[in-house]
């Protein structure tokens, strides 16, 4: 190509890119898509996404209304395959008949633990949080109370143990009564206190599905 023709072509291409810039069309590709997706979740958009139930894939159970919807939307879209397997497990498994134990769902990315134990007096429970995994806590039978506070409002009493993926805290915050029908999600910034006794109910059967945190 003659030098003058190449120069003219480059000038035309540069003008075209400048014209597209105000329209938000300056970049493309996976990196740009990820950045846009991560930045796109406002509380309003996340709430609309949450209520659309596109994440449920036919699951009839609910996720608690108090969930951090922005974080839920970010984590789901960043790790959709793992979340779909987790919700499918709740949808397709007979949880009532599931024996106590641990169950793989997707290797180290998603797995479940089933317990059937007495609940405890408040003083005998602990505030905790996790860094590697998100908790999906579901009461299959019976009931318990679960406390929840933001990480920023809690004081560390036992530093993070990487092997056990847990840290403990002192905190004061609201409690939610967990019963069959609602899954409670706890992200790394959610300090929670499970297994608190409900008046008149001494035990519960519970499934906790762990989903690896998307970085």
C-alpha atoms as a PDB file:
ATOM      1  CA  UNK A   1       0.000   0.000   0.000  1.00  0.00           C
ATOM      2  CA  UNK A   2       1.418   3.492  -0.858  1.00  0.00           C
ATOM      3  CA  UNK A   3       2.516   5.430   2.220  1.00  0.00           C
ATOM      4  CA  UNK A   4      -0.050   8.221   1.699  1.00  0.00           C
ATOM      5  CA  UNK A   5      -2.908   5.729   1.357  1.00  0.00           C
ATOM      6  CA  UNK A   6      -1.866   3.942   4.570  1.00  0.00           C
ATOM      7  CA  UNK A   7      -1.702   7.273   6.403  1.00  0.00           C
ATOM      8  CA  UNK A   8      -5.188   8.203   5.212  1.00  0.00           C
ATOM      9  CA  UNK A   9      -6.545   4.817   6.297  1.00  0.00           C
ATOM     10  CA  UNK A  10      -5.048   5.205   9.769  1.00  0.00           C
ATOM     11  CA  UNK A  11      -6.488   8.700  10.094  1.00  0.00           C
ATOM     12  CA  UNK A  12      -9.931   7.433   9.116  1.00  0.00           C
ATOM     13  CA  UNK A  13      -9.689   4.565  11.645  1.00  0.00           C
ATOM     14  CA  UNK A  14      -8.647   6.965  14.387  1.00  0.00           C
ATOM     15  CA  UNK A  15     -11.587   9.243  13.641  1.00  0.00           C
ATOM     16  CA  UNK A  16     -13.947   6.267  13.718  1.00  0.00           C
ATOM     17  CA  UNK A  17     -12.677   5.199  17.157  1.00  0.00           C
ATOM     18  CA  UNK A  18     -13.072   8.753  18.496  1.00  0.00           C
ATOM     19  CA  UNK A  19     -16.635   8.851  17.232  1.00  0.00           C
ATOM     20  CA  UNK A  20     -17.420   5.582  19.012  1.00  0.00           C
ATOM     21  CA  UNK A  21     -15.845   6.606  22.324  1.00  0.00           C
ATOM     22  CA  UNK A  22     -18.840   8.616  23.648  1.00  0.00           C
ATOM     23  CA  UNK A  23     -21.023   5.573  22.928  1.00  0.00           C
ATOM     24  CA  UNK A  24     -18.936   3.358  25.217  1.00  0.00           C
ATOM     25  CA  UNK A  25     -17.594   1.283  22.331  1.00  0.00           C
ATOM     26  CA  UNK A  26     -13.864   1.876  22.771  1.00  0.00           C
ATOM     27  CA  UNK A  27     -12.911  -1.546  24.145  1.00  0.00           C
ATOM     28  CA  UNK A  28     -13.962  -5.127  23.812  1.00  0.00           C
ATOM     29  CA  UNK A  29     -12.903  -8.589  24.910  1.00  0.00           C
ATOM     30  CA  UNK A  30     -13.038 -10.606  28.130  1.00  0.00           C
ATOM     31  CA  UNK A  31     -11.125  -8.119  30.308  1.00  0.00           C
ATOM     32  CA  UNK A  32     -13.378  -5.252  29.319  1.00  0.00           C
ATOM     33  CA  UNK A  33     -16.478  -7.390  29.798  1.00  0.00           C
ATOM     34  CA  UNK A  34     -15.409  -8.445  33.300  1.00  0.00           C
ATOM     35  CA  UNK A  35     -14.669  -4.876  34.335  1.00  0.00           C
ATOM     36  CA  UNK A  36     -18.007  -3.665  33.015  1.00  0.00           C
ATOM     37  CA  UNK A  37     -19.898  -6.471  34.745  1.00  0.00           C
ATOM     38  CA  UNK A  38     -18.143  -5.903  38.066  1.00  0.00           C
ATOM     39  CA  UNK A  39     -18.864  -2.179  37.978  1.00  0.00           C
ATOM     40  CA  UNK A  40     -22.444  -2.499  36.760  1.00  0.00           C
ATOM     41  CA  UNK A  41     -24.171  -3.799  39.895  1.00  0.00           C
ATOM     42  CA  UNK A  42     -25.944  -0.959  41.645  1.00  0.00           C
ATOM     43  CA  UNK A  43     -28.333  -1.751  44.520  1.00  0.00           C
ATOM     44  CA  UNK A  44     -31.285  -1.051  42.218  1.00  0.00           C
ATOM     45  CA  UNK A  45     -30.037  -3.350  39.447  1.00  0.00           C
ATOM     46  CA  UNK A  46     -29.098  -6.064  41.928  1.00  0.00           C
ATOM     47  CA  UNK A  47     -32.519  -5.912  43.566  1.00  0.00           C
ATOM     48  CA  UNK A  48     -34.228  -6.253  40.179  1.00  0.00           C
ATOM     49  CA  UNK A  49     -31.962  -9.186  39.302  1.00  0.00           C
ATOM     50  CA  UNK A  50     -32.657 -10.836  42.670  1.00  0.00           C
ATOM     51  CA  UNK A  51     -36.430 -10.547  42.252  1.00  0.00           C
ATOM     52  CA  UNK A  52     -36.306 -11.905  38.693  1.00  0.00           C
ATOM     53  CA  UNK A  53     -35.138 -15.254  40.178  1.00  0.00           C
ATOM     54  CA  UNK A  54     -33.046 -16.035  37.095  1.00  0.00           C
ATOM     55  CA  UNK A  55     -30.490 -17.460  39.535  1.00  0.00           C
ATOM     56  CA  UNK A  56     -33.006 -20.045  40.845  1.00  0.00           C
ATOM     57  CA  UNK A  57     -33.299 -22.158  37.671  1.00  0.00           C
ATOM     58  CA  UNK A  58     -36.610 -23.646  38.777  1.00  0.00           C
ATOM     59  CA  UNK A  59     -35.774 -23.856  42.484  1.00  0.00           C
ATOM     60  CA  UNK A  60     -38.850 -23.160  44.624  1.00  0.00           C
ATOM     61  CA  UNK A  61     -36.924 -22.240  47.791  1.00  0.00           C
ATOM     62  CA  UNK A  62     -36.291 -18.587  48.612  1.00  0.00           C
ATOM     63  CA  UNK A  63     -33.123 -16.713  49.515  1.00  0.00           C
ATOM     64  CA  UNK A  64     -33.494 -14.473  52.550  1.00  0.00           C
ATOM     65  CA  UNK A  65     -34.643 -10.915  51.842  1.00  0.00           C
ATOM     66  CA  UNK A  66     -31.788  -9.481  53.932  1.00  0.00           C
ATOM     67  CA  UNK A  67     -29.090 -10.975  51.666  1.00  0.00           C
ATOM     68  CA  UNK A  68     -26.450  -8.590  50.289  1.00  0.00           C
ATOM     69  CA  UNK A  69     -27.990  -8.492  46.821  1.00  0.00           C
ATOM     70  CA  UNK A  70     -25.127  -6.623  45.161  1.00  0.00           C
ATOM     71  CA  UNK A  71     -22.579  -9.154  46.413  1.00  0.00           C
ATOM     72  CA  UNK A  72     -24.892 -12.027  45.492  1.00  0.00           C
ATOM     73  CA  UNK A  73     -25.217 -10.703  41.935  1.00  0.00           C
ATOM     74  CA  UNK A  74     -21.452 -10.162  41.617  1.00  0.00           C
ATOM     75  CA  UNK A  75     -20.546 -13.578  42.961  1.00  0.00           C
ATOM     76  CA  UNK A  76     -23.177 -15.379  40.894  1.00  0.00           C
ATOM     77  CA  UNK A  77     -22.196 -13.758  37.614  1.00  0.00           C
ATOM     78  CA  UNK A  78     -18.478 -14.273  38.330  1.00  0.00           C
ATOM     79  CA  UNK A  79     -18.938 -17.974  39.114  1.00  0.00           C
ATOM     80  CA  UNK A  80     -22.225 -18.923  37.478  1.00  0.00           C
ATOM     81  CA  UNK A  81     -21.425 -22.596  36.838  1.00  0.00           C
ATOM     82  CA  UNK A  82     -20.691 -23.253  40.515  1.00  0.00           C
ATOM     83  CA  UNK A  83     -23.789 -21.397  41.736  1.00  0.00           C
ATOM     84  CA  UNK A  84     -26.006 -23.218  39.237  1.00  0.00           C
ATOM     85  CA  UNK A  85     -24.724 -26.551  40.586  1.00  0.00           C
ATOM     86  CA  UNK A  86     -25.355 -25.425  44.162  1.00  0.00           C
ATOM     87  CA  UNK A  87     -28.929 -24.334  43.478  1.00  0.00           C
ATOM     88  CA  UNK A  88     -29.545 -27.489  41.396  1.00  0.00           C
ATOM     89  CA  UNK A  89     -28.446 -29.545  44.408  1.00  0.00           C
ATOM     90  CA  UNK A  90     -31.110 -27.906  46.548  1.00  0.00           C
ATOM     91  CA  UNK A  91     -33.651 -28.329  43.756  1.00  0.00           C
ATOM     92  CA  UNK A  92     -32.982 -31.954  42.823  1.00  0.00           C
ATOM     93  CA  UNK A  93     -31.994 -33.590  46.136  1.00  0.00           C
ATOM     94  CA  UNK A  94     -34.432 -35.076  48.630  1.00  0.00           C
ATOM     95  CA  UNK A  95     -33.022 -33.144  51.571  1.00  0.00           C
ATOM     96  CA  UNK A  96     -35.415 -34.707  54.071  1.00  0.00           C
ATOM     97  CA  UNK A  97     -34.003 -38.168  53.380  1.00  0.00           C
ATOM     98  CA  UNK A  98     -30.365 -37.073  53.015  1.00  0.00           C
ATOM     99  CA  UNK A  99     -28.168 -38.761  55.637  1.00  0.00           C
ATOM    100  CA  UNK A 100     -25.826 -36.812  57.896  1.00  0.00           C
ATOM    101  CA  UNK A 101     -22.411 -36.392  56.276  1.00  0.00           C
ATOM    102  CA  UNK A 102     -20.439 -34.518  53.630  1.00  0.00           C
ATOM    103  CA  UNK A 103     -21.265 -34.591  49.928  1.00  0.00           C
ATOM    104  CA  UNK A 104     -19.177 -33.410  46.942  1.00  0.00           C
ATOM    105  CA  UNK A 105     -21.040 -31.360  44.360  1.00  0.00           C
ATOM    106  CA  UNK A 106     -18.252 -29.851  42.253  1.00  0.00           C
ATOM    107  CA  UNK A 107     -14.914 -30.905  43.712  1.00  0.00           C
ATOM    108  CA  UNK A 108     -13.458 -28.225  45.974  1.00  0.00           C
ATOM    109  CA  UNK A 109     -15.619 -25.547  44.372  1.00  0.00           C
ATOM    110  CA  UNK A 110     -18.982 -26.632  45.801  1.00  0.00           C
ATOM    111  CA  UNK A 111     -19.767 -29.197  48.493  1.00  0.00           C
ATOM    112  CA  UNK A 112     -22.422 -29.868  51.124  1.00  0.00           C
ATOM    113  CA  UNK A 113     -22.478 -30.831  54.799  1.00  0.00           C
ATOM    114  CA  UNK A 114     -25.584 -32.252  56.485  1.00  0.00           C
ATOM    115  CA  UNK A 115     -26.110 -32.114  60.253  1.00  0.00           C
ATOM    116  CA  UNK A 116     -28.953 -33.172  62.532  1.00  0.00           C
ATOM    117  CA  UNK A 117     -28.128 -31.826  65.984  1.00  0.00           C
ATOM    118  CA  UNK A 118     -29.563 -30.021  69.000  1.00  0.00           C
ATOM    119  CA  UNK A 119     -29.493 -26.248  68.715  1.00  0.00           C
ATOM    120  CA  UNK A 120     -27.770 -24.243  71.463  1.00  0.00           C
ATOM    121  CA  UNK A 121     -28.365 -21.452  73.917  1.00  0.00           C
ATOM    122  CA  UNK A 122     -27.102 -18.116  72.607  1.00  0.00           C
ATOM    123  CA  UNK A 123     -24.107 -18.089  74.995  1.00  0.00           C
ATOM    124  CA  UNK A 124     -22.882 -21.379  73.565  1.00  0.00           C
ATOM    125  CA  UNK A 125     -22.783 -20.203  69.944  1.00  0.00           C
ATOM    126  CA  UNK A 126     -20.177 -18.082  68.160  1.00  0.00           C
ATOM    127  CA  UNK A 127     -19.946 -15.248  65.667  1.00  0.00           C
ATOM    128  CA  UNK A 128     -17.925 -16.371  62.645  1.00  0.00           C
ATOM    129  CA  UNK A 129     -16.967 -15.520  59.081  1.00  0.00           C
ATOM    130  CA  UNK A 130     -15.210 -17.254  56.192  1.00  0.00           C
ATOM    131  CA  UNK A 131     -12.851 -16.041  53.466  1.00  0.00           C
ATOM    132  CA  UNK A 132     -12.601 -18.924  51.010  1.00  0.00           C
ATOM    133  CA  UNK A 133     -16.201 -20.085  50.890  1.00  0.00           C
ATOM    134  CA  UNK A 134     -19.687 -18.602  50.899  1.00  0.00           C
ATOM    135  CA  UNK A 135     -22.230 -20.296  53.172  1.00  0.00           C
ATOM    136  CA  UNK A 136     -25.636 -21.377  51.870  1.00  0.00           C
ATOM    137  CA  UNK A 137     -27.377 -22.437  55.094  1.00  0.00           C
ATOM    138  CA  UNK A 138     -30.728 -24.197  54.887  1.00  0.00           C
ATOM    139  CA  UNK A 139     -32.848 -25.648  57.699  1.00  0.00           C
ATOM    140  CA  UNK A 140     -34.545 -28.804  56.377  1.00  0.00           C
ATOM    141  CA  UNK A 141     -36.461 -29.629  59.553  1.00  0.00           C
ATOM    142  CA  UNK A 142     -36.965 -27.743  62.812  1.00  0.00           C
ATOM    143  CA  UNK A 143     -35.726 -24.173  63.261  1.00  0.00           C
ATOM    144  CA  UNK A 144     -32.870 -22.062  64.552  1.00  0.00           C
ATOM    145  CA  UNK A 145     -31.960 -18.410  64.888  1.00  0.00           C
ATOM    146  CA  UNK A 146     -29.013 -16.964  62.975  1.00  0.00           C
ATOM    147  CA  UNK A 147     -27.414 -13.647  63.860  1.00  0.00           C
ATOM    148  CA  UNK A 148     -25.823 -11.458  61.193  1.00  0.00           C
ATOM    149  CA  UNK A 149     -23.713  -8.277  61.294  1.00  0.00           C
ATOM    150  CA  UNK A 150     -21.357  -6.579  58.820  1.00  0.00           C
ATOM    151  CA  UNK A 151     -17.696  -7.499  59.212  1.00  0.00           C
ATOM    152  CA  UNK A 152     -16.872  -3.838  59.888  1.00  0.00           C
ATOM    153  CA  UNK A 153     -19.133  -3.889  62.976  1.00  0.00           C
ATOM    154  CA  UNK A 154     -17.491  -6.925  64.588  1.00  0.00           C
ATOM    155  CA  UNK A 155     -14.374  -7.256  66.750  1.00  0.00           C
ATOM    156  CA  UNK A 156     -12.041 -10.203  66.172  1.00  0.00           C
ATOM    157  CA  UNK A 157     -11.716 -12.525  69.181  1.00  0.00           C
ATOM    158  CA  UNK A 158      -9.985 -15.400  67.379  1.00  0.00           C
ATOM    159  CA  UNK A 159      -7.867 -14.623  64.284  1.00  0.00           C
ATOM    160  CA  UNK A 160      -8.577 -16.249  60.960  1.00  0.00           C
ATOM    161  CA  UNK A 161      -7.608 -19.915  60.788  1.00  0.00           C
ATOM    162  CA  UNK A 162      -6.826 -20.673  57.147  1.00  0.00           C
ATOM    163  CA  UNK A 163      -7.009 -24.445  57.584  1.00  0.00           C
ATOM    164  CA  UNK A 164     -10.540 -24.220  58.986  1.00  0.00           C
ATOM    165  CA  UNK A 165     -11.518 -21.113  56.953  1.00  0.00           C
ATOM    166  CA  UNK A 166     -12.978 -19.359  59.984  1.00  0.00           C
ATOM    167  CA  UNK A 167     -12.461 -16.376  62.267  1.00  0.00           C
ATOM    168  CA  UNK A 168     -14.475 -15.585  65.407  1.00  0.00           C
ATOM    169  CA  UNK A 169     -15.774 -12.276  66.734  1.00  0.00           C
ATOM    170  CA  UNK A 170     -17.691 -10.406  69.366  1.00  0.00           C
ATOM    171  CA  UNK A 171     -20.632  -8.432  68.006  1.00  0.00           C
ATOM    172  CA  UNK A 172     -24.210  -7.309  68.545  1.00  0.00           C
ATOM    173  CA  UNK A 173     -26.774  -7.595  65.803  1.00  0.00           C
ATOM    174  CA  UNK A 174     -30.169  -8.824  64.618  1.00  0.00           C
ATOM    175  CA  UNK A 175     -31.210 -12.468  64.548  1.00  0.00           C
ATOM    176  CA  UNK A 176     -33.283 -14.176  61.865  1.00  0.00           C
ATOM    177  CA  UNK A 177     -35.409 -17.254  62.454  1.00  0.00           C
ATOM    178  CA  UNK A 178     -34.400 -19.851  59.876  1.00  0.00           C
ATOM    179  CA  UNK A 179     -37.068 -22.388  58.953  1.00  0.00           C
ATOM    180  CA  UNK A 180     -37.705 -24.664  55.951  1.00  0.00           C
ATOM    181  CA  UNK A 181     -38.310 -22.703  52.756  1.00  0.00           C
ATOM    182  CA  UNK A 182     -35.518 -20.118  52.928  1.00  0.00           C
ATOM    183  CA  UNK A 183     -31.782 -20.386  52.205  1.00  0.00           C
ATOM    184  CA  UNK A 184     -29.512 -17.982  54.108  1.00  0.00           C
ATOM    185  CA  UNK A 185     -26.434 -16.752  52.228  1.00  0.00           C
ATOM    186  CA  UNK A 186     -23.373 -15.437  54.064  1.00  0.00           C
ATOM    187  CA  UNK A 187     -20.505 -13.830  52.147  1.00  0.00           C
ATOM    188  CA  UNK A 188     -17.016 -13.093  53.547  1.00  0.00           C
ATOM    189  CA  UNK A 189     -18.175  -9.668  54.791  1.00  0.00           C
ATOM    190  CA  UNK A 190     -21.138 -11.239  56.636  1.00  0.00           C
ATOM    191  CA  UNK A 191     -20.307 -12.205  60.218  1.00  0.00           C
ATOM    192  CA  UNK A 192     -22.958 -14.702  61.292  1.00  0.00           C
ATOM    193  CA  UNK A 193     -23.953 -16.657  64.396  1.00  0.00           C
ATOM    194  CA  UNK A 194     -25.863 -19.868  63.532  1.00  0.00           C
ATOM    195  CA  UNK A 195     -27.406 -22.663  65.573  1.00  0.00           C
ATOM    196  CA  UNK A 196     -29.167 -20.506  68.198  1.00  0.00           C
ATOM    197  CA  UNK A 197     -32.084 -22.248  69.899  1.00  0.00           C
ATOM    198  CA  UNK A 198     -35.651 -21.222  69.082  1.00  0.00           C
ATOM    199  CA  UNK A 199     -38.158 -21.394  71.959  1.00  0.00           C
ATOM    200  CA  UNK A 200     -39.942 -24.743  71.896  1.00  0.00           C
ATOM    201  CA  UNK A 201     -37.650 -26.327  69.284  1.00  0.00           C
ATOM    202  CA  UNK A 202     -34.570 -28.158  70.522  1.00  0.00           C
ATOM    203  CA  UNK A 203     -32.921 -29.384  67.311  1.00  0.00           C
ATOM    204  CA  UNK A 204     -32.845 -29.033  63.574  1.00  0.00           C
ATOM    205  CA  UNK A 205     -31.638 -30.809  60.476  1.00  0.00           C
ATOM    206  CA  UNK A 206     -29.530 -28.524  58.337  1.00  0.00           C
ATOM    207  CA  UNK A 207     -27.754 -28.496  54.985  1.00  0.00           C
ATOM    208  CA  UNK A 208     -24.845 -26.108  54.479  1.00  0.00           C
ATOM    209  CA  UNK A 209     -23.577 -25.823  50.923  1.00  0.00           C
ATOM    210  CA  UNK A 210     -20.200 -24.141  50.503  1.00  0.00           C
ATOM    211  CA  UNK A 211     -19.460 -22.193  47.311  1.00  0.00           C
ATOM    212  CA  UNK A 212     -15.915 -21.016  46.637  1.00  0.00           C
ATOM    213  CA  UNK A 213     -15.561 -17.234  46.642  1.00  0.00           C
ATOM    214  CA  UNK A 214     -14.849 -15.702  43.208  1.00  0.00           C
ATOM    215  CA  UNK A 215     -11.887 -13.334  43.470  1.00  0.00           C
END
